Amino acid sequence: MACAEIGLEHLTVQSVADRLGVTRAAIYNYVGNTAEMRRLAAAATVTTFEFGDPETRDWELWLRQFAEALRVWLLSNGSAGVYIPAAEMVTERVLFGLEQVLDVLARAGFHDDTAVRALQFVLGVVWANTHDQLLAEAQPDGVHPQQTQMLSQEADLRSFPRLERAVELNSIYGAFDTRFDFELEAVILSLRSALKNGESP
């Protein structure tokens, strides 16, 4: 409770001791250091990955719904991910979802190696998108630091008008929903093409 009130970014052994009205030594009876306390407090905030197998045999729809659910889950647990190793965030529900992706693609007719590569691409799209969105949201102005750098005096984009316009429109390091949909659709189109052409890996 005290950890949640203080917030993970401001959490220290001393801040918790002060909040509880005890000595730091009392806190050290339960945790070894501030990093361990942050990890435990962050782990307590991680929500369950909720994704049920839809009643559809449409592998494209299933893959989209899985990717969207995973993205929502990662975004909602983003602050905890700073303090918890990835292995600790991956719950049995997440592993079940990954297994289901491979199963759905296998039932659709994809070879195992293609299904694994598809899973890797989908995870890459989800991870890159959520990482950039969380990084932007962590900035005081809500703008991705690379975009800020590109618009700064250090990077003169006047010689590159289309790139300059894209950066100004926030379409490179922003527009996260649109970017996610576009990249996921590219993966699905590639898979659809592979299936149509005899699924040559």
N, C-alpha and C. Protein backbone atom coordinates (compact mmCIF):
# COMPACT_ATOMS: atom_id res chain seq x y z
N MET A 1 0.83 -1.20 0.00
CA MET A 1 0.00 0.00 0.00
C MET A 1 0.88 1.26 0.00
N ALA A 2 1.89 1.27 0.88
CA ALA A 2 2.78 2.43 0.96
C ALA A 2 3.53 2.61 -0.35
N CYS A 3 3.95 1.49 -0.96
CA CYS A 3 4.69 1.56 -2.23
C CYS A 3 3.82 2.16 -3.32
N ALA A 4 2.56 1.75 -3.36
CA ALA A 4 1.64 2.27 -4.38
C ALA A 4 1.40 3.76 -4.18
N GLU A 5 1.30 4.20 -2.95
CA GLU A 5 1.08 5.62 -2.66
C GLU A 5 2.28 6.47 -3.05
N ILE A 6 3.47 5.93 -2.84
CA ILE A 6 4.70 6.68 -3.15
C ILE A 6 4.94 6.71 -4.66
N GLY A 7 4.67 5.58 -5.32
CA GLY A 7 4.92 5.48 -6.77
C GLY A 7 6.28 4.86 -7.02
N LEU A 8 6.36 3.99 -8.03
CA LEU A 8 7.58 3.25 -8.29
C LEU A 8 8.78 4.14 -8.56
N GLU A 9 8.55 5.25 -9.28
CA GLU A 9 9.69 6.10 -9.66
C GLU A 9 10.30 6.84 -8.47
N HIS A 10 9.54 7.00 -7.39
CA HIS A 10 10.04 7.72 -6.21
C HIS A 10 10.31 6.78 -5.04
N LEU A 11 10.20 5.50 -5.28
CA LEU A 11 10.28 4.52 -4.21
C LEU A 11 11.72 4.32 -3.73
N THR A 12 11.94 4.49 -2.43
CA THR A 12 13.21 4.18 -1.79
C THR A 12 12.90 3.52 -0.45
N VAL A 13 13.90 2.87 0.12
CA VAL A 13 13.71 2.27 1.44
C VAL A 13 13.34 3.36 2.44
N GLN A 14 13.99 4.51 2.35
CA GLN A 14 13.71 5.60 3.29
C GLN A 14 12.29 6.14 3.12
N SER A 15 11.84 6.27 1.87
CA SER A 15 10.49 6.80 1.66
C SER A 15 9.42 5.87 2.22
N VAL A 16 9.63 4.58 2.09
CA VAL A 16 8.68 3.61 2.64
C VAL A 16 8.73 3.63 4.17
N ALA A 17 9.94 3.69 4.72
CA ALA A 17 10.08 3.76 6.18
C ALA A 17 9.38 5.00 6.72
N ASP A 18 9.57 6.13 6.06
CA ASP A 18 8.92 7.37 6.50
C ASP A 18 7.40 7.23 6.43
N ARG A 19 6.90 6.66 5.33
CA ARG A 19 5.47 6.52 5.14
C ARG A 19 4.85 5.61 6.20
N LEU A 20 5.59 4.56 6.59
CA LEU A 20 5.07 3.61 7.57
C LEU A 20 5.38 4.00 9.02
N GLY A 21 6.25 5.00 9.18
CA GLY A 21 6.61 5.42 10.53
C GLY A 21 7.51 4.43 11.25
N VAL A 22 8.39 3.78 10.47
CA VAL A 22 9.33 2.81 11.05
C VAL A 22 10.74 3.18 10.63
N THR A 23 11.71 2.45 11.12
CA THR A 23 13.10 2.72 10.74
C THR A 23 13.43 1.99 9.44
N ARG A 24 14.52 2.43 8.81
CA ARG A 24 14.98 1.75 7.59
C ARG A 24 15.36 0.31 7.91
N ALA A 25 15.91 0.09 9.11
CA ALA A 25 16.30 -1.27 9.51
C ALA A 25 15.10 -2.20 9.49
N ALA A 26 13.93 -1.69 9.86
CA ALA A 26 12.72 -2.51 9.85
C ALA A 26 12.38 -2.94 8.43
N ILE A 27 12.56 -2.05 7.47
CA ILE A 27 12.28 -2.38 6.07
C ILE A 27 13.28 -3.42 5.57
N TYR A 28 14.54 -3.28 5.98
CA TYR A 28 15.58 -4.22 5.53
C TYR A 28 15.35 -5.64 6.06
N ASN A 29 14.45 -5.80 7.01
CA ASN A 29 14.08 -7.16 7.45
C ASN A 29 13.30 -7.88 6.35
N TYR A 30 12.73 -7.13 5.42
CA TYR A 30 11.89 -7.71 4.37
C TYR A 30 12.51 -7.64 2.98
N VAL A 31 13.32 -6.63 2.73
CA VAL A 31 13.97 -6.49 1.42
C VAL A 31 15.44 -6.16 1.61
N GLY A 32 16.25 -6.54 0.61
CA GLY A 32 17.68 -6.30 0.71
C GLY A 32 18.12 -4.91 0.32
N ASN A 33 17.38 -4.30 -0.60
CA ASN A 33 17.75 -2.96 -1.06
C ASN A 33 16.57 -2.33 -1.81
N THR A 34 16.79 -1.10 -2.27
CA THR A 34 15.73 -0.37 -2.96
C THR A 34 15.33 -1.06 -4.27
N ALA A 35 16.32 -1.58 -5.01
CA ALA A 35 16.02 -2.25 -6.28
C ALA A 35 15.11 -3.45 -6.08
N GLU A 36 15.38 -4.24 -5.05
CA GLU A 36 14.54 -5.41 -4.77
C GLU A 36 13.13 -4.97 -4.38
N MET A 37 13.05 -3.92 -3.58
CA MET A 37 11.74 -3.42 -3.16
C MET A 37 10.94 -2.92 -4.37
N ARG A 38 11.61 -2.22 -5.28
CA ARG A 38 10.93 -1.75 -6.49
C ARG A 38 10.45 -2.91 -7.34
N ARG A 39 11.30 -3.94 -7.45
CA ARG A 39 10.92 -5.10 -8.25
C ARG A 39 9.69 -5.79 -7.67
N LEU A 40 9.67 -5.98 -6.36
CA LEU A 40 8.53 -6.62 -5.71
C LEU A 40 7.27 -5.76 -5.83
N ALA A 41 7.43 -4.46 -5.64
CA ALA A 41 6.28 -3.56 -5.74
C ALA A 41 5.75 -3.53 -7.17
N ALA A 42 6.65 -3.52 -8.15
CA ALA A 42 6.24 -3.51 -9.55
C ALA A 42 5.53 -4.81 -9.91
N ALA A 43 6.07 -5.94 -9.43
CA ALA A 43 5.46 -7.25 -9.73
C ALA A 43 4.03 -7.32 -9.21
N ALA A 44 3.77 -6.65 -8.10
CA ALA A 44 2.43 -6.66 -7.52
C ALA A 44 1.43 -5.88 -8.37
N THR A 45 1.93 -5.02 -9.27
CA THR A 45 1.02 -4.21 -10.09
C THR A 45 0.70 -4.84 -11.44
N VAL A 46 1.43 -5.89 -11.81
CA VAL A 46 1.25 -6.49 -13.14
C VAL A 46 -0.10 -7.17 -13.22
N THR A 47 -0.86 -6.80 -14.24
CA THR A 47 -2.20 -7.38 -14.42
C THR A 47 -2.11 -8.67 -15.22
N THR A 48 -3.16 -9.44 -15.19
CA THR A 48 -3.22 -10.71 -15.92
C THR A 48 -3.46 -10.44 -17.40
N PHE A 49 -2.75 -11.17 -18.22
CA PHE A 49 -2.96 -11.05 -19.67
C PHE A 49 -4.26 -11.76 -20.01
N GLU A 50 -5.25 -10.99 -20.43
CA GLU A 50 -6.57 -11.55 -20.74
C GLU A 50 -6.74 -11.69 -22.25
N PHE A 51 -6.79 -12.94 -22.68
CA PHE A 51 -7.06 -13.18 -24.10
C PHE A 51 -7.65 -14.56 -24.24
N GLY A 52 -8.88 -14.63 -24.68
CA GLY A 52 -9.54 -15.91 -24.88
C GLY A 52 -9.51 -16.28 -26.35
N ASP A 53 -9.54 -17.55 -26.64
CA ASP A 53 -9.55 -18.02 -28.02
C ASP A 53 -10.90 -17.68 -28.64
N PRO A 54 -10.94 -16.77 -29.62
CA PRO A 54 -12.21 -16.41 -30.23
C PRO A 54 -12.87 -17.61 -30.91
N GLU A 55 -14.15 -17.51 -31.09
CA GLU A 55 -14.92 -18.59 -31.72
C GLU A 55 -14.83 -18.50 -33.23
N THR A 56 -13.68 -18.18 -33.75
CA THR A 56 -13.54 -18.04 -35.19
C THR A 56 -12.40 -18.92 -35.69
N ARG A 57 -12.53 -19.37 -36.91
CA ARG A 57 -11.45 -20.15 -37.52
C ARG A 57 -10.62 -19.24 -38.45
N ASP A 58 -10.91 -17.98 -38.44
CA ASP A 58 -10.22 -17.01 -39.28
C ASP A 58 -8.88 -16.66 -38.63
N TRP A 59 -7.78 -17.20 -39.17
CA TRP A 59 -6.48 -16.99 -38.55
C TRP A 59 -6.07 -15.53 -38.56
N GLU A 60 -6.48 -14.77 -39.59
CA GLU A 60 -6.12 -13.35 -39.67
C GLU A 60 -6.77 -12.56 -38.53
N LEU A 61 -8.05 -12.79 -38.34
CA LEU A 61 -8.77 -12.11 -37.27
C LEU A 61 -8.18 -12.49 -35.92
N TRP A 62 -7.90 -13.77 -35.75
CA TRP A 62 -7.35 -14.26 -34.48
C TRP A 62 -6.00 -13.59 -34.20
N LEU A 63 -5.14 -13.52 -35.22
CA LEU A 63 -3.82 -12.94 -35.05
C LEU A 63 -3.92 -11.45 -34.70
N ARG A 64 -4.83 -10.74 -35.36
CA ARG A 64 -5.04 -9.32 -35.05
C ARG A 64 -5.50 -9.13 -33.61
N GLN A 65 -6.47 -9.95 -33.19
CA GLN A 65 -7.00 -9.82 -31.83
C GLN A 65 -5.94 -10.15 -30.79
N PHE A 66 -5.12 -11.16 -31.06
CA PHE A 66 -4.04 -11.50 -30.13
C PHE A 66 -3.04 -10.36 -30.02
N ALA A 67 -2.61 -9.83 -31.17
CA ALA A 67 -1.61 -8.75 -31.17
C ALA A 67 -2.15 -7.51 -30.46
N GLU A 68 -3.41 -7.18 -30.71
CA GLU A 68 -4.02 -6.02 -30.05
C GLU A 68 -4.11 -6.22 -28.54
N ALA A 69 -4.49 -7.44 -28.11
CA ALA A 69 -4.59 -7.73 -26.68
C ALA A 69 -3.22 -7.66 -26.02
N LEU A 70 -2.20 -8.19 -26.70
CA LEU A 70 -0.85 -8.16 -26.14
C LEU A 70 -0.34 -6.73 -26.03
N ARG A 71 -0.64 -5.92 -27.03
CA ARG A 71 -0.22 -4.51 -27.00
C ARG A 71 -0.88 -3.77 -25.83
N VAL A 72 -2.17 -3.96 -25.65
CA VAL A 72 -2.89 -3.32 -24.55
C VAL A 72 -2.29 -3.76 -23.21
N TRP A 73 -1.99 -5.05 -23.09
CA TRP A 73 -1.42 -5.58 -21.85
C TRP A 73 -0.04 -4.96 -21.57
N LEU A 74 0.79 -4.89 -22.60
CA LEU A 74 2.13 -4.30 -22.41
C LEU A 74 2.04 -2.82 -22.06
N LEU A 75 1.14 -2.09 -22.71
CA LEU A 75 0.99 -0.67 -22.40
C LEU A 75 0.49 -0.46 -20.98
N SER A 76 -0.42 -1.30 -20.53
CA SER A 76 -0.97 -1.13 -19.19
C SER A 76 0.02 -1.54 -18.11
N ASN A 77 1.01 -2.33 -18.46
CA ASN A 77 2.01 -2.77 -17.48
C ASN A 77 3.39 -2.17 -17.76
N GLY A 78 3.42 -1.13 -18.58
CA GLY A 78 4.69 -0.56 -19.01
C GLY A 78 5.56 -0.05 -17.89
N SER A 79 4.97 0.61 -16.90
CA SER A 79 5.79 1.17 -15.83
C SER A 79 6.43 0.06 -15.01
N ALA A 80 5.75 -1.06 -14.86
CA ALA A 80 6.31 -2.18 -14.11
C ALA A 80 7.48 -2.80 -14.88
N GLY A 81 7.38 -2.80 -16.21
CA GLY A 81 8.42 -3.41 -17.03
C GLY A 81 9.79 -2.78 -16.88
N VAL A 82 9.83 -1.55 -16.37
CA VAL A 82 11.11 -0.88 -16.15
C VAL A 82 11.87 -1.56 -15.01
N TYR A 83 11.14 -2.12 -14.06
CA TYR A 83 11.75 -2.66 -12.85
C TYR A 83 11.75 -4.18 -12.77
N ILE A 84 11.02 -4.84 -13.66
CA ILE A 84 10.90 -6.29 -13.60
C ILE A 84 11.57 -6.91 -14.82
N PRO A 85 12.39 -7.95 -14.64
CA PRO A 85 12.95 -8.65 -15.80
C PRO A 85 11.83 -9.21 -16.66
N ALA A 86 12.04 -9.21 -17.97
CA ALA A 86 11.00 -9.67 -18.90
C ALA A 86 10.52 -11.07 -18.54
N ALA A 87 11.43 -11.93 -18.11
CA ALA A 87 11.05 -13.31 -17.78
C ALA A 87 10.03 -13.35 -16.65
N GLU A 88 10.07 -12.40 -15.74
CA GLU A 88 9.12 -12.38 -14.64
C GLU A 88 7.77 -11.81 -15.06
N MET A 89 7.76 -11.00 -16.11
CA MET A 89 6.49 -10.43 -16.59
C MET A 89 5.72 -11.41 -17.45
N VAL A 90 6.43 -12.35 -18.05
CA VAL A 90 5.77 -13.30 -18.94
C VAL A 90 5.05 -14.35 -18.10
N THR A 91 3.76 -14.22 -18.03
CA THR A 91 2.95 -15.12 -17.22
C THR A 91 2.55 -16.34 -18.03
N GLU A 92 1.95 -17.30 -17.36
CA GLU A 92 1.49 -18.51 -18.04
C GLU A 92 0.44 -18.17 -19.10
N ARG A 93 -0.38 -17.13 -18.84
CA ARG A 93 -1.39 -16.72 -19.81
C ARG A 93 -0.73 -16.20 -21.09
N VAL A 94 0.39 -15.48 -20.95
CA VAL A 94 1.10 -15.00 -22.13
C VAL A 94 1.65 -16.18 -22.92
N LEU A 95 2.26 -17.13 -22.21
CA LEU A 95 2.81 -18.31 -22.87
C LEU A 95 1.70 -19.10 -23.57
N PHE A 96 0.53 -19.19 -22.94
CA PHE A 96 -0.61 -19.86 -23.55
C PHE A 96 -0.99 -19.15 -24.85
N GLY A 97 -0.99 -17.83 -24.82
CA GLY A 97 -1.32 -17.06 -26.03
C GLY A 97 -0.33 -17.31 -27.15
N LEU A 98 0.95 -17.38 -26.81
CA LEU A 98 1.98 -17.64 -27.83
C LEU A 98 1.80 -19.03 -28.43
N GLU A 99 1.50 -19.99 -27.57
CA GLU A 99 1.24 -21.36 -28.05
C GLU A 99 0.04 -21.37 -28.98
N GLN A 100 -0.99 -20.59 -28.64
CA GLN A 100 -2.19 -20.53 -29.46
C GLN A 100 -1.91 -19.92 -30.83
N VAL A 101 -1.03 -18.92 -30.89
CA VAL A 101 -0.67 -18.33 -32.19
C VAL A 101 -0.11 -19.42 -33.09
N LEU A 102 0.85 -20.18 -32.57
CA LEU A 102 1.47 -21.24 -33.37
C LEU A 102 0.45 -22.29 -33.77
N ASP A 103 -0.47 -22.63 -32.88
CA ASP A 103 -1.49 -23.63 -33.17
C ASP A 103 -2.47 -23.14 -34.24
N VAL A 104 -2.92 -21.89 -34.11
CA VAL A 104 -3.86 -21.33 -35.08
C VAL A 104 -3.23 -21.29 -36.47
N LEU A 105 -1.97 -20.88 -36.54
CA LEU A 105 -1.29 -20.81 -37.85
C LEU A 105 -1.06 -22.20 -38.43
N ALA A 106 -0.74 -23.16 -37.57
CA ALA A 106 -0.55 -24.54 -38.05
C ALA A 106 -1.86 -25.09 -38.61
N ARG A 107 -2.97 -24.83 -37.92
CA ARG A 107 -4.27 -25.31 -38.40
C ARG A 107 -4.68 -24.62 -39.70
N ALA A 108 -4.15 -23.41 -39.92
CA ALA A 108 -4.47 -22.68 -41.15
C ALA A 108 -3.66 -23.19 -42.34
N GLY A 109 -2.65 -24.03 -42.06
CA GLY A 109 -1.86 -24.60 -43.15
C GLY A 109 -0.43 -24.12 -43.25
N PHE A 110 0.01 -23.32 -42.29
CA PHE A 110 1.39 -22.83 -42.32
C PHE A 110 2.34 -23.89 -41.77
N HIS A 111 3.55 -23.96 -42.36
CA HIS A 111 4.59 -24.83 -41.82
C HIS A 111 5.03 -24.28 -40.46
N ASP A 112 5.58 -25.16 -39.64
CA ASP A 112 6.00 -24.75 -38.30
C ASP A 112 7.01 -23.61 -38.32
N ASP A 113 7.98 -23.68 -39.25
CA ASP A 113 9.01 -22.63 -39.27
C ASP A 113 8.42 -21.28 -39.69
N THR A 114 7.45 -21.30 -40.60
CA THR A 114 6.79 -20.05 -41.00
C THR A 114 5.96 -19.50 -39.85
N ALA A 115 5.28 -20.39 -39.13
CA ALA A 115 4.48 -19.95 -37.98
C ALA A 115 5.37 -19.31 -36.92
N VAL A 116 6.53 -19.89 -36.69
CA VAL A 116 7.46 -19.32 -35.69
C VAL A 116 7.95 -17.95 -36.15
N ARG A 117 8.31 -17.83 -37.43
CA ARG A 117 8.75 -16.52 -37.94
C ARG A 117 7.63 -15.49 -37.85
N ALA A 118 6.40 -15.93 -38.16
CA ALA A 118 5.25 -15.01 -38.06
C ALA A 118 5.08 -14.54 -36.63
N LEU A 119 5.21 -15.46 -35.67
CA LEU A 119 5.10 -15.08 -34.26
C LEU A 119 6.19 -14.08 -33.90
N GLN A 120 7.41 -14.31 -34.38
CA GLN A 120 8.51 -13.38 -34.10
C GLN A 120 8.22 -11.99 -34.66
N PHE A 121 7.69 -11.93 -35.88
CA PHE A 121 7.37 -10.64 -36.48
C PHE A 121 6.27 -9.92 -35.72
N VAL A 122 5.23 -10.67 -35.35
CA VAL A 122 4.12 -10.06 -34.61
C VAL A 122 4.62 -9.52 -33.27
N LEU A 123 5.42 -10.32 -32.57
CA LEU A 123 5.97 -9.86 -31.29
C LEU A 123 6.86 -8.64 -31.49
N GLY A 124 7.61 -8.62 -32.58
CA GLY A 124 8.46 -7.47 -32.88
C GLY A 124 7.65 -6.21 -33.12
N VAL A 125 6.56 -6.34 -33.88
CA VAL A 125 5.69 -5.19 -34.14
C VAL A 125 5.10 -4.67 -32.84
N VAL A 126 4.58 -5.59 -32.02
CA VAL A 126 3.96 -5.19 -30.75
C VAL A 126 5.00 -4.54 -29.84
N TRP A 127 6.15 -5.18 -29.70
CA TRP A 127 7.17 -4.67 -28.78
C TRP A 127 7.71 -3.31 -29.21
N ALA A 128 8.06 -3.17 -30.48
CA ALA A 128 8.62 -1.89 -30.96
C ALA A 128 7.62 -0.76 -30.78
N ASN A 129 6.36 -1.04 -31.11
CA ASN A 129 5.33 -0.02 -31.00
C ASN A 129 5.11 0.40 -29.55
N THR A 130 4.96 -0.58 -28.66
CA THR A 130 4.70 -0.23 -27.26
C THR A 130 5.92 0.42 -26.62
N HIS A 131 7.11 -0.05 -26.98
CA HIS A 131 8.33 0.55 -26.44
C HIS A 131 8.40 2.03 -26.80
N ASP A 132 8.17 2.35 -28.09
CA ASP A 132 8.22 3.75 -28.52
C ASP A 132 7.12 4.58 -27.87
N GLN A 133 5.92 4.01 -27.74
CA GLN A 133 4.82 4.75 -27.12
C GLN A 133 5.11 5.03 -25.64
N LEU A 134 5.60 4.03 -24.93
CA LEU A 134 5.92 4.23 -23.50
C LEU A 134 7.07 5.23 -23.33
N LEU A 135 8.04 5.18 -24.24
CA LEU A 135 9.16 6.11 -24.18
C LEU A 135 8.67 7.54 -24.40
N ALA A 136 7.77 7.72 -25.37
CA ALA A 136 7.22 9.06 -25.63
C ALA A 136 6.39 9.54 -24.45
N GLU A 137 5.56 8.65 -23.90
CA GLU A 137 4.69 9.03 -22.78
C GLU A 137 5.49 9.39 -21.53
N ALA A 138 6.71 8.86 -21.42
CA ALA A 138 7.55 9.15 -20.25
C ALA A 138 8.21 10.52 -20.33
N GLN A 139 8.17 11.16 -21.51
CA GLN A 139 8.78 12.47 -21.67
C GLN A 139 7.82 13.56 -21.18
N PRO A 140 8.35 14.64 -20.62
CA PRO A 140 7.48 15.71 -20.12
C PRO A 140 6.55 16.28 -21.19
N ASP A 141 7.03 16.33 -22.45
CA ASP A 141 6.19 16.89 -23.51
C ASP A 141 5.44 15.81 -24.30
N GLY A 142 5.64 14.54 -23.92
CA GLY A 142 4.94 13.45 -24.59
C GLY A 142 5.45 13.14 -25.98
N VAL A 143 6.62 13.67 -26.33
CA VAL A 143 7.18 13.47 -27.66
C VAL A 143 8.39 12.54 -27.55
N HIS A 144 8.48 11.59 -28.46
CA HIS A 144 9.58 10.65 -28.48
C HIS A 144 10.90 11.41 -28.57
N PRO A 145 11.90 11.04 -27.75
CA PRO A 145 13.17 11.79 -27.74
C PRO A 145 13.87 11.85 -29.09
N GLN A 146 13.75 10.82 -29.91
CA GLN A 146 14.39 10.85 -31.23
C GLN A 146 13.70 11.86 -32.14
N GLN A 147 12.41 12.01 -31.98
CA GLN A 147 11.71 13.02 -32.78
C GLN A 147 12.15 14.41 -32.34
N THR A 148 12.25 14.61 -31.04
CA THR A 148 12.72 15.90 -30.52
C THR A 148 14.10 16.22 -31.07
N GLN A 149 14.97 15.20 -31.09
CA GLN A 149 16.34 15.40 -31.60
C GLN A 149 16.33 15.75 -33.08
N MET A 150 15.47 15.07 -33.85
CA MET A 150 15.42 15.34 -35.28
C MET A 150 14.91 16.75 -35.58
N LEU A 151 14.05 17.26 -34.71
CA LEU A 151 13.51 18.60 -34.92
C LEU A 151 14.39 19.69 -34.32
N SER A 152 15.44 19.27 -33.62
CA SER A 152 16.32 20.24 -32.97
C SER A 152 17.26 20.87 -33.99
N GLN A 153 18.03 21.82 -33.53
CA GLN A 153 19.01 22.51 -34.39
C GLN A 153 20.10 21.55 -34.86
N GLU A 154 20.31 20.46 -34.11
CA GLU A 154 21.39 19.53 -34.45
C GLU A 154 21.13 18.81 -35.77
N ALA A 155 19.87 18.59 -36.09
CA ALA A 155 19.54 17.87 -37.32
C ALA A 155 18.78 18.81 -38.25
N ASP A 156 19.46 19.27 -39.28
CA ASP A 156 18.84 20.19 -40.24
C ASP A 156 18.13 19.37 -41.32
N LEU A 157 16.80 19.34 -41.25
CA LEU A 157 16.02 18.54 -42.18
C LEU A 157 15.53 19.34 -43.38
N ARG A 158 15.94 20.60 -43.49
CA ARG A 158 15.43 21.42 -44.60
C ARG A 158 15.79 20.85 -45.95
N SER A 159 16.87 20.10 -46.02
CA SER A 159 17.27 19.48 -47.28
C SER A 159 16.46 18.22 -47.59
N PHE A 160 15.68 17.79 -46.62
CA PHE A 160 14.88 16.57 -46.77
C PHE A 160 13.41 16.90 -46.45
N PRO A 161 12.73 17.60 -47.36
CA PRO A 161 11.39 18.13 -47.06
C PRO A 161 10.34 17.07 -46.72
N ARG A 162 10.38 15.94 -47.38
CA ARG A 162 9.37 14.92 -47.07
C ARG A 162 9.61 14.33 -45.68
N LEU A 163 10.86 14.08 -45.36
CA LEU A 163 11.20 13.56 -44.04
C LEU A 163 10.87 14.60 -42.97
N GLU A 164 11.17 15.85 -43.25
CA GLU A 164 10.86 16.92 -42.30
C GLU A 164 9.36 16.98 -42.03
N ARG A 165 8.57 16.86 -43.09
CA ARG A 165 7.11 16.91 -42.93
C ARG A 165 6.61 15.70 -42.13
N ALA A 166 7.20 14.53 -42.39
CA ALA A 166 6.80 13.33 -41.66
C ALA A 166 7.08 13.47 -40.17
N VAL A 167 8.23 14.05 -39.84
CA VAL A 167 8.58 14.25 -38.44
C VAL A 167 7.64 15.27 -37.80
N GLU A 168 7.37 16.36 -38.52
CA GLU A 168 6.47 17.39 -37.99
C GLU A 168 5.06 16.84 -37.75
N LEU A 169 4.63 15.91 -38.61
CA LEU A 169 3.31 15.32 -38.48
C LEU A 169 3.27 14.21 -37.43
N ASN A 170 4.43 13.96 -36.81
CA ASN A 170 4.51 12.95 -35.76
C ASN A 170 4.23 11.56 -36.32
N SER A 171 4.55 11.34 -37.60
CA SER A 171 4.20 10.07 -38.22
C SER A 171 5.35 9.06 -38.20
N ILE A 172 6.51 9.45 -37.68
CA ILE A 172 7.62 8.51 -37.57
C ILE A 172 7.71 7.95 -36.15
N TYR A 173 7.71 8.84 -35.17
CA TYR A 173 7.83 8.41 -33.78
C TYR A 173 6.55 8.62 -32.99
N GLY A 174 5.46 8.77 -33.66
CA GLY A 174 4.17 8.95 -33.00
C GLY A 174 3.10 8.17 -33.75
N ALA A 175 1.88 8.63 -33.71
CA ALA A 175 0.75 7.98 -34.38
C ALA A 175 0.80 6.47 -34.14
N PHE A 176 0.91 6.11 -32.87
CA PHE A 176 1.20 4.72 -32.52
C PHE A 176 0.11 3.75 -32.97
N ASP A 177 -1.15 4.12 -32.85
CA ASP A 177 -2.23 3.23 -33.27
C ASP A 177 -2.17 2.97 -34.76
N THR A 178 -1.98 4.03 -35.52
CA THR A 178 -1.92 3.91 -36.99
C THR A 178 -0.72 3.09 -37.41
N ARG A 179 0.41 3.36 -36.78
CA ARG A 179 1.63 2.62 -37.11
C ARG A 179 1.47 1.14 -36.77
N PHE A 180 0.89 0.85 -35.62
CA PHE A 180 0.67 -0.54 -35.21
C PHE A 180 -0.21 -1.26 -36.22
N ASP A 181 -1.33 -0.64 -36.60
CA ASP A 181 -2.24 -1.26 -37.57
C ASP A 181 -1.56 -1.51 -38.90
N PHE A 182 -0.77 -0.54 -39.36
CA PHE A 182 -0.08 -0.65 -40.65
C PHE A 182 0.93 -1.80 -40.62
N GLU A 183 1.74 -1.86 -39.56
CA GLU A 183 2.79 -2.88 -39.49
C GLU A 183 2.20 -4.27 -39.31
N LEU A 184 1.15 -4.38 -38.50
CA LEU A 184 0.51 -5.68 -38.32
C LEU A 184 -0.14 -6.15 -39.61
N GLU A 185 -0.76 -5.22 -40.34
CA GLU A 185 -1.37 -5.57 -41.62
C GLU A 185 -0.32 -6.04 -42.61
N ALA A 186 0.88 -5.46 -42.58
CA ALA A 186 1.96 -5.89 -43.47
C ALA A 186 2.36 -7.33 -43.18
N VAL A 187 2.42 -7.71 -41.91
CA VAL A 187 2.74 -9.09 -41.54
C VAL A 187 1.65 -10.03 -42.04
N ILE A 188 0.39 -9.65 -41.83
CA ILE A 188 -0.73 -10.51 -42.24
C ILE A 188 -0.80 -10.65 -43.76
N LEU A 189 -0.55 -9.55 -44.49
CA LEU A 189 -0.54 -9.63 -45.96
C LEU A 189 0.55 -10.56 -46.45
N SER A 190 1.71 -10.50 -45.81
CA SER A 190 2.82 -11.38 -46.18
C SER A 190 2.46 -12.85 -45.93
N LEU A 191 1.82 -13.11 -44.80
CA LEU A 191 1.40 -14.47 -44.50
C LEU A 191 0.31 -14.95 -45.46
N ARG A 192 -0.62 -14.07 -45.76
CA ARG A 192 -1.70 -14.42 -46.70
C ARG A 192 -1.11 -14.78 -48.06
N SER A 193 -0.13 -14.00 -48.49
CA SER A 193 0.52 -14.25 -49.77
C SER A 193 1.25 -15.59 -49.75
N ALA A 194 1.94 -15.88 -48.65
CA ALA A 194 2.67 -17.15 -48.54
C ALA A 194 1.71 -18.34 -48.61
N LEU A 195 0.56 -18.21 -47.96
CA LEU A 195 -0.42 -19.29 -47.95
C LEU A 195 -1.02 -19.48 -49.34
N LYS A 196 -1.29 -18.37 -50.01
CA LYS A 196 -1.88 -18.41 -51.35
C LYS A 196 -0.91 -19.02 -52.36
N ASN A 197 0.39 -18.78 -52.18
CA ASN A 197 1.40 -19.25 -53.13
C ASN A 197 1.98 -20.59 -52.73
N GLY A 198 1.25 -21.36 -52.00
CA GLY A 198 1.75 -22.68 -51.63
C GLY A 198 2.58 -22.69 -50.39
N GLU A 199 2.62 -21.56 -49.68
CA GLU A 199 3.30 -21.45 -48.40
C GLU A 199 4.74 -21.93 -48.48
N SER A 200 5.52 -21.34 -49.41
CA SER A 200 6.93 -21.68 -49.48
C SER A 200 7.68 -20.86 -48.43
N PRO A 201 8.28 -21.51 -47.47
CA PRO A 201 8.91 -20.78 -46.36
C PRO A 201 10.03 -19.87 -46.83
